[in-house]
Amino acid sequence: MKVNLKLSRVGMNMDEATVSVWRKQPGESFVKGETLYEIETEKVTMEVEAPCNGTLISIAVPAGTETTVGSVVCSIDQQ
């Protein structure tokens, strides 16, 4: 089932973040808890883990791009 993953708020004052690096590319499979990508905010850099097993379908926010909380970051095929 296709699912869109959105940028979640990781701090009380966080409104936006930059996707700094993608650890998976479209077509690659992953397991729950595996790092999909990293984000940078004004205060922290953190890894974003896969919420389930699946395959990355597409990337909506390329590395180096800033996006807002609630924006779609990527699409996955949830297994």
PDB file of N, CA and C in Angstrom:
ATOM      1  N   MET A   1       0.842  -1.171   0.000  1.00  0.00           N
ATOM      2  CA  MET A   1       0.000   0.000   0.000  1.00  0.00           C
ATOM      3  C   MET A   1       0.896   1.246   0.000  1.00  0.00           C
ATOM      4  N   LYS A   2       0.610   2.189  -0.908  1.00  0.00           N
ATOM      5  CA  LYS A   2       1.397   3.420  -0.994  1.00  0.00           C
ATOM      6  C   LYS A   2       1.032   4.350   0.156  1.00  0.00           C
ATOM      7  N   VAL A   3       2.073   4.881   0.807  1.00  0.00           N
ATOM      8  CA  VAL A   3       1.899   5.801   1.931  1.00  0.00           C
ATOM      9  C   VAL A   3       2.842   6.985   1.730  1.00  0.00           C
ATOM     10  N   ASN A   4       2.342   8.193   1.952  1.00  0.00           N
ATOM     11  CA  ASN A   4       3.183   9.388   1.923  1.00  0.00           C
ATOM     12  C   ASN A   4       3.690   9.668   3.328  1.00  0.00           C
ATOM     13  N   LEU A   5       5.001   9.812   3.482  1.00  0.00           N
ATOM     14  CA  LEU A   5       5.585  10.155   4.777  1.00  0.00           C
ATOM     15  C   LEU A   5       5.786  11.662   4.832  1.00  0.00           C
ATOM     16  N   LYS A   6       5.371  12.258   5.942  1.00  0.00           N
ATOM     17  CA  LYS A   6       5.457  13.711   6.112  1.00  0.00           C
ATOM     18  C   LYS A   6       6.505  14.066   7.154  1.00  0.00           C
ATOM     19  N   LEU A   7       7.034  15.273   7.048  1.00  0.00           N
ATOM     20  CA  LEU A   7       7.999  15.768   8.028  1.00  0.00           C
ATOM     21  C   LEU A   7       7.286  16.013   9.346  1.00  0.00           C
ATOM     22  N   SER A   8       7.746  15.337  10.382  1.00  0.00           N
ATOM     23  CA  SER A   8       7.156  15.481  11.716  1.00  0.00           C
ATOM     24  C   SER A   8       7.903  16.536  12.516  1.00  0.00           C
ATOM     25  N   ARG A   9       7.203  17.151  13.426  1.00  0.00           N
ATOM     26  CA  ARG A   9       7.808  18.135  14.330  1.00  0.00           C
ATOM     27  C   ARG A   9       8.636  17.378  15.370  1.00  0.00           C
ATOM     28  N   VAL A  10       9.915  17.743  15.513  1.00  0.00           N
ATOM     29  CA  VAL A  10      10.782  17.086  16.489  1.00  0.00           C
ATOM     30  C   VAL A  10      11.165  18.006  17.638  1.00  0.00           C
ATOM     31  N   GLY A  11      10.742  19.254  17.566  1.00  0.00           N
ATOM     32  CA  GLY A  11      10.976  20.213  18.640  1.00  0.00           C
ATOM     33  C   GLY A  11       9.804  21.164  18.729  1.00  0.00           C
ATOM     34  N   MET A  12       9.586  21.731  19.913  1.00  0.00           N
ATOM     35  CA  MET A  12       8.427  22.594  20.117  1.00  0.00           C
ATOM     36  C   MET A  12       8.383  23.773  19.153  1.00  0.00           C
ATOM     37  N   ASN A  13       9.529  24.347  18.841  1.00  0.00           N
ATOM     38  CA  ASN A  13       9.572  25.532  17.988  1.00  0.00           C
ATOM     39  C   ASN A  13       9.954  25.224  16.545  1.00  0.00           C
ATOM     40  N   MET A  14       9.970  23.950  16.191  1.00  0.00           N
ATOM     41  CA  MET A  14      10.374  23.559  14.844  1.00  0.00           C
ATOM     42  C   MET A  14       9.228  23.762  13.859  1.00  0.00           C
ATOM     43  N   ASP A  15       9.463  24.571  12.844  1.00  0.00           N
ATOM     44  CA  ASP A  15       8.482  24.783  11.785  1.00  0.00           C
ATOM     45  C   ASP A  15       8.984  24.272  10.441  1.00  0.00           C
ATOM     46  N   GLU A  16      10.323  24.118  10.333  1.00  0.00           N
ATOM     47  CA  GLU A  16      10.920  23.668   9.085  1.00  0.00           C
ATOM     48  C   GLU A  16      12.232  22.954   9.374  1.00  0.00           C
ATOM     49  N   ALA A  17      12.697  22.206   8.384  1.00  0.00           N
ATOM     50  CA  ALA A  17      13.967  21.491   8.497  1.00  0.00           C
ATOM     51  C   ALA A  17      14.511  21.278   7.093  1.00  0.00           C
ATOM     52  N   THR A  18      15.798  20.992   7.025  1.00  0.00           N
ATOM     53  CA  THR A  18      16.443  20.679   5.756  1.00  0.00           C
ATOM     54  C   THR A  18      16.730  19.188   5.715  1.00  0.00           C
ATOM     55  N   VAL A  19      16.319  18.530   4.647  1.00  0.00           N
ATOM     56  CA  VAL A  19      16.687  17.131   4.439  1.00  0.00           C
ATOM     57  C   VAL A  19      18.146  17.161   4.004  1.00  0.00           C
ATOM     58  N   SER A  20      19.032  16.668   4.863  1.00  0.00           N
ATOM     59  CA  SER A  20      20.463  16.792   4.575  1.00  0.00           C
ATOM     60  C   SER A  20      21.003  15.650   3.729  1.00  0.00           C
ATOM     61  N   VAL A  21      20.511  14.433   3.937  1.00  0.00           N
ATOM     62  CA  VAL A  21      21.011  13.283   3.171  1.00  0.00           C
ATOM     63  C   VAL A  21      19.946  12.186   3.145  1.00  0.00           C
ATOM     64  N   TRP A  22      19.858  11.506   2.026  1.00  0.00           N
ATOM     65  CA  TRP A  22      18.989  10.335   1.891  1.00  0.00           C
ATOM     66  C   TRP A  22      19.837   9.088   2.060  1.00  0.00           C
ATOM     67  N   ARG A  23      19.442   8.199   2.954  1.00  0.00           N
ATOM     68  CA  ARG A  23      20.159   6.936   3.171  1.00  0.00           C
ATOM     69  C   ARG A  23      19.626   5.835   2.263  1.00  0.00           C
ATOM     70  N   LYS A  24      18.425   6.008   1.737  1.00  0.00           N
ATOM     71  CA  LYS A  24      17.814   5.063   0.798  1.00  0.00           C
ATOM     72  C   LYS A  24      17.446   5.810  -0.474  1.00  0.00           C
ATOM     73  N   GLN A  25      17.448   5.110  -1.580  1.00  0.00           N
ATOM     74  CA  GLN A  25      17.085   5.674  -2.877  1.00  0.00           C
ATOM     75  C   GLN A  25      15.850   4.947  -3.406  1.00  0.00           C
ATOM     76  N   PRO A  26      15.093   5.575  -4.307  1.00  0.00           N
ATOM     77  CA  PRO A  26      13.903   4.917  -4.850  1.00  0.00           C
ATOM     78  C   PRO A  26      14.220   3.519  -5.371  1.00  0.00           C
ATOM     79  N   GLY A  27      13.341   2.576  -5.005  1.00  0.00           N
ATOM     80  CA  GLY A  27      13.520   1.180  -5.391  1.00  0.00           C
ATOM     81  C   GLY A  27      14.183   0.337  -4.322  1.00  0.00           C
ATOM     82  N   GLU A  28      14.822   0.975  -3.336  1.00  0.00           N
ATOM     83  CA  GLU A  28      15.494   0.229  -2.272  1.00  0.00           C
ATOM     84  C   GLU A  28      14.508  -0.135  -1.164  1.00  0.00           C
ATOM     85  N   SER A  29      14.675  -1.343  -0.641  1.00  0.00           N
ATOM     86  CA  SER A  29      13.847  -1.819   0.470  1.00  0.00           C
ATOM     87  C   SER A  29      14.474  -1.429   1.795  1.00  0.00           C
ATOM     88  N   PHE A  30      13.643  -1.417   2.838  1.00  0.00           N
ATOM     89  CA  PHE A  30      14.107  -1.095   4.184  1.00  0.00           C
ATOM     90  C   PHE A  30      13.248  -1.840   5.194  1.00  0.00           C
ATOM     91  N   VAL A  31      13.740  -1.899   6.429  1.00  0.00           N
ATOM     92  CA  VAL A  31      12.990  -2.525   7.520  1.00  0.00           C
ATOM     93  C   VAL A  31      12.656  -1.462   8.561  1.00  0.00           C
ATOM     94  N   LYS A  32      11.642  -1.738   9.343  1.00  0.00           N
ATOM     95  CA  LYS A  32      11.217  -0.812  10.388  1.00  0.00           C
ATOM     96  C   LYS A  32      12.407  -0.451  11.270  1.00  0.00           C
ATOM     97  N   GLY A  33      12.598   0.842  11.514  1.00  0.00           N
ATOM     98  CA  GLY A  33      13.684   1.311  12.367  1.00  0.00           C
ATOM     99  C   GLY A  33      14.955   1.674  11.620  1.00  0.00           C
ATOM    100  N   GLU A  34      15.043   1.294  10.348  1.00  0.00           N
ATOM    101  CA  GLU A  34      16.216   1.633   9.544  1.00  0.00           C
ATOM    102  C   GLU A  34      16.140   3.114   9.144  1.00  0.00           C
ATOM    103  N   THR A  35      17.282   3.779   9.082  1.00  0.00           N
ATOM    104  CA  THR A  35      17.307   5.196   8.731  1.00  0.00           C
ATOM    105  C   THR A  35      16.972   5.393   7.257  1.00  0.00           C
ATOM    106  N   LEU A  36      15.967   6.257   6.993  1.00  0.00           N
ATOM    107  CA  LEU A  36      15.602   6.607   5.620  1.00  0.00           C
ATOM    108  C   LEU A  36      16.335   7.861   5.162  1.00  0.00           C
ATOM    109  N   TYR A  37      16.385   8.875   6.048  1.00  0.00           N
ATOM    110  CA  TYR A  37      17.028  10.141   5.711  1.00  0.00           C
ATOM    111  C   TYR A  37      17.400  10.881   6.984  1.00  0.00           C
ATOM    112  N   GLU A  38      18.178  11.956   6.838  1.00  0.00           N
ATOM    113  CA  GLU A  38      18.563  12.798   7.966  1.00  0.00           C
ATOM    114  C   GLU A  38      18.039  14.203   7.732  1.00  0.00           C
ATOM    115  N   ILE A  39      17.671  14.870   8.828  1.00  0.00           N
ATOM    116  CA  ILE A  39      17.233  16.262   8.748  1.00  0.00           C
ATOM    117  C   ILE A  39      18.106  17.124   9.643  1.00  0.00           C
ATOM    118  N   GLU A  40      18.188  18.397   9.291  1.00  0.00           N
ATOM    119  CA  GLU A  40      18.895  19.392  10.096  1.00  0.00           C
ATOM    120  C   GLU A  40      17.936  20.527  10.403  1.00  0.00           C
ATOM    121  N   THR A  41      17.934  20.935  11.681  1.00  0.00           N
ATOM    122  CA  THR A  41      17.191  22.120  12.091  1.00  0.00           C
ATOM    123  C   THR A  41      18.216  23.114  12.621  1.00  0.00           C
ATOM    124  N   GLU A  42      17.748  24.226  13.161  1.00  0.00           N
ATOM    125  CA  GLU A  42      18.678  25.206  13.730  1.00  0.00           C
ATOM    126  C   GLU A  42      19.459  24.625  14.900  1.00  0.00           C
ATOM    127  N   LYS A  43      18.863  23.656  15.598  1.00  0.00           N
ATOM    128  CA  LYS A  43      19.475  23.162  16.831  1.00  0.00           C
ATOM    129  C   LYS A  43      19.994  21.735  16.772  1.00  0.00           C
ATOM    130  N   VAL A  44      19.528  20.922  15.827  1.00  0.00           N
ATOM    131  CA  VAL A  44      19.853  19.503  15.883  1.00  0.00           C
ATOM    132  C   VAL A  44      19.896  18.883  14.486  1.00  0.00           C
ATOM    133  N   THR A  45      20.710  17.823  14.376  1.00  0.00           N
ATOM    134  CA  THR A  45      20.695  16.948  13.204  1.00  0.00           C
ATOM    135  C   THR A  45      20.217  15.599  13.699  1.00  0.00           C
ATOM    136  N   MET A  46      19.252  15.009  13.002  1.00  0.00           N
ATOM    137  CA  MET A  46      18.749  13.715  13.466  1.00  0.00           C
ATOM    138  C   MET A  46      18.397  12.806  12.308  1.00  0.00           C
ATOM    139  N   GLU A  47      18.443  11.504  12.597  1.00  0.00           N
ATOM    140  CA  GLU A  47      18.059  10.489  11.627  1.00  0.00           C
ATOM    141  C   GLU A  47      16.561  10.250  11.731  1.00  0.00           C
ATOM    142  N   VAL A  48      15.924  10.040  10.583  1.00  0.00           N
ATOM    143  CA  VAL A  48      14.499   9.715  10.558  1.00  0.00           C
ATOM    144  C   VAL A  48      14.380   8.251  10.160  1.00  0.00           C
ATOM    145  N   GLU A  49      13.759   7.468  11.036  1.00  0.00           N
ATOM    146  CA  GLU A  49      13.666   6.025  10.840  1.00  0.00           C
ATOM    147  C   GLU A  49      12.384   5.630  10.121  1.00  0.00           C
ATOM    148  N   ALA A  50      12.454   4.508   9.436  1.00  0.00           N
ATOM    149  CA  ALA A  50      11.287   3.950   8.750  1.00  0.00           C
ATOM    150  C   ALA A  50      10.253   3.503   9.781  1.00  0.00           C
ATOM    151  N   PRO A  51       8.983   3.855   9.575  1.00  0.00           N
ATOM    152  CA  PRO A  51       7.938   3.469  10.518  1.00  0.00           C
ATOM    153  C   PRO A  51       7.461   2.031  10.336  1.00  0.00           C
ATOM    154  N   CYS A  52       7.909   1.377   9.246  1.00  0.00           N
ATOM    155  CA  CYS A  52       7.458   0.028   8.920  1.00  0.00           C
ATOM    156  C   CYS A  52       8.434  -0.570   7.906  1.00  0.00           C
ATOM    157  N   ASN A  53       8.231  -1.824   7.551  1.00  0.00           N
ATOM    158  CA  ASN A  53       8.987  -2.429   6.457  1.00  0.00           C
ATOM    159  C   ASN A  53       8.409  -1.922   5.145  1.00  0.00           C
ATOM    160  N   GLY A  54       9.254  -1.769   4.120  1.00  0.00           N
ATOM    161  CA  GLY A  54       8.726  -1.312   2.842  1.00  0.00           C
ATOM    162  C   GLY A  54       9.798  -1.037   1.816  1.00  0.00           C
ATOM    163  N   THR A  55       9.384  -0.324   0.767  1.00  0.00           N
ATOM    164  CA  THR A  55      10.260   0.074  -0.329  1.00  0.00           C
ATOM    165  C   THR A  55      10.045   1.551  -0.604  1.00  0.00           C
ATOM    166  N   LEU A  56      11.123   2.287  -0.790  1.00  0.00           N
ATOM    167  CA  LEU A  56      11.015   3.702  -1.120  1.00  0.00           C
ATOM    168  C   LEU A  56      10.570   3.837  -2.574  1.00  0.00           C
ATOM    169  N   ILE A  57       9.443   4.512  -2.790  1.00  0.00           N
ATOM    170  CA  ILE A  57       8.914   4.706  -4.143  1.00  0.00           C
ATOM    171  C   ILE A  57       9.490   5.970  -4.767  1.00  0.00           C
ATOM    172  N   SER A  58       9.382   7.090  -4.047  1.00  0.00           N
ATOM    173  CA  SER A  58       9.854   8.356  -4.608  1.00  0.00           C
ATOM    174  C   SER A  58      10.262   9.316  -3.503  1.00  0.00           C
ATOM    175  N   ILE A  59      11.128  10.253  -3.860  1.00  0.00           N
ATOM    176  CA  ILE A  59      11.598  11.296  -2.952  1.00  0.00           C
ATOM    177  C   ILE A  59      10.972  12.610  -3.397  1.00  0.00           C
ATOM    178  N   ALA A  60      10.255  13.273  -2.491  1.00  0.00           N
ATOM    179  CA  ALA A  60       9.601  14.548  -2.810  1.00  0.00           C
ATOM    180  C   ALA A  60      10.473  15.751  -2.446  1.00  0.00           C
ATOM    181  N   VAL A  61      11.386  15.554  -1.487  1.00  0.00           N
ATOM    182  CA  VAL A  61      12.258  16.643  -1.032  1.00  0.00           C
ATOM    183  C   VAL A  61      13.713  16.191  -1.202  1.00  0.00           C
ATOM    184  N   PRO A  62      14.390  16.676  -2.227  1.00  0.00           N
ATOM    185  CA  PRO A  62      15.780  16.275  -2.456  1.00  0.00           C
ATOM    186  C   PRO A  62      16.705  16.722  -1.323  1.00  0.00           C
ATOM    187  N   ALA A  63      17.828  16.033  -1.174  1.00  0.00           N
ATOM    188  CA  ALA A  63      18.832  16.408  -0.178  1.00  0.00           C
ATOM    189  C   ALA A  63      19.258  17.853  -0.401  1.00  0.00           C
ATOM    190  N   GLY A  64      19.402  18.581   0.713  1.00  0.00           N
ATOM    191  CA  GLY A  64      19.804  19.976   0.653  1.00  0.00           C
ATOM    192  C   GLY A  64      18.641  20.941   0.550  1.00  0.00           C
ATOM    193  N   THR A  65      17.417  20.410   0.554  1.00  0.00           N
ATOM    194  CA  THR A  65      16.223  21.236   0.402  1.00  0.00           C
ATOM    195  C   THR A  65      15.511  21.416   1.734  1.00  0.00           C
ATOM    196  N   GLU A  66      15.099  22.650   2.006  1.00  0.00           N
ATOM    197  CA  GLU A  66      14.341  22.953   3.218  1.00  0.00           C
ATOM    198  C   GLU A  66      12.857  22.719   2.953  1.00  0.00           C
ATOM    199  N   THR A  67      12.157  22.195   3.959  1.00  0.00           N
ATOM    200  CA  THR A  67      10.723  21.954   3.842  1.00  0.00           C
ATOM    201  C   THR A  67      10.050  22.237   5.176  1.00  0.00           C
ATOM    202  N   THR A  68       8.744  22.341   5.172  1.00  0.00           N
ATOM    203  CA  THR A  68       7.998  22.674   6.383  1.00  0.00           C
ATOM    204  C   THR A  68       7.392  21.433   7.024  1.00  0.00           C
ATOM    205  N   VAL A  69       7.130  21.534   8.318  1.00  0.00           N
ATOM    206  CA  VAL A  69       6.481  20.451   9.059  1.00  0.00           C
ATOM    207  C   VAL A  69       5.145  20.142   8.395  1.00  0.00           C
ATOM    208  N   GLY A  70       4.870  18.867   8.199  1.00  0.00           N
ATOM    209  CA  GLY A  70       3.621  18.435   7.580  1.00  0.00           C
ATOM    210  C   GLY A  70       3.711  18.228   6.083  1.00  0.00           C
ATOM    211  N   SER A  71       4.821  18.655   5.473  1.00  0.00           N
ATOM    212  CA  SER A  71       5.005  18.457   4.032  1.00  0.00           C
ATOM    213  C   SER A  71       5.384  17.012   3.737  1.00  0.00           C
ATOM    214  N   VAL A  72       4.940  16.502   2.593  1.00  0.00           N
ATOM    215  CA  VAL A  72       5.311  15.153   2.164  1.00  0.00           C
ATOM    216  C   VAL A  72       6.792  15.150   1.803  1.00  0.00           C
ATOM    217  N   VAL A  73       7.524  14.200   2.395  1.00  0.00           N
ATOM    218  CA  VAL A  73       8.964  14.082   2.161  1.00  0.00           C
ATOM    219  C   VAL A  73       9.255  12.981   1.142  1.00  0.00           C
ATOM    220  N   CYS A  74       8.485  11.876   1.239  1.00  0.00           N
ATOM    221  CA  CYS A  74       8.677  10.761   0.316  1.00  0.00           C
ATOM    222  C   CYS A  74       7.438   9.877   0.302  1.00  0.00           C
ATOM    223  N   SER A  75       7.418   8.968  -0.664  1.00  0.00           N
ATOM    224  CA  SER A  75       6.353   7.968  -0.751  1.00  0.00           C
ATOM    225  C   SER A  75       6.988   6.596  -0.618  1.00  0.00           C
ATOM    226  N   ILE A  76       6.310   5.718   0.110  1.00  0.00           N
ATOM    227  CA  ILE A  76       6.809   4.360   0.302  1.00  0.00           C
ATOM    228  C   ILE A  76       5.717   3.356  -0.037  1.00  0.00           C
ATOM    229  N   ASP A  77       6.143   2.133  -0.320  1.00  0.00           N
ATOM    230  CA  ASP A  77       5.228   1.007  -0.458  1.00  0.00           C
ATOM    231  C   ASP A  77       5.329   0.251   0.851  1.00  0.00           C
ATOM    232  N   GLN A  78       4.313   0.388   1.686  1.00  0.00           N
ATOM    233  CA  GLN A  78       4.301  -0.233   3.011  1.00  0.00           C
ATOM    234  C   GLN A  78       4.020  -1.719   2.872  1.00  0.00           C
ATOM    235  N   GLN A  79       4.826  -2.538   3.556  1.00  0.00           N
ATOM    236  CA  GLN A  79       4.640  -3.988   3.496  1.00  0.00           C
ATOM    237  C   GLN A  79       4.224  -4.530   4.833  1.00  0.00           C
TER     238      GLN A  79
END
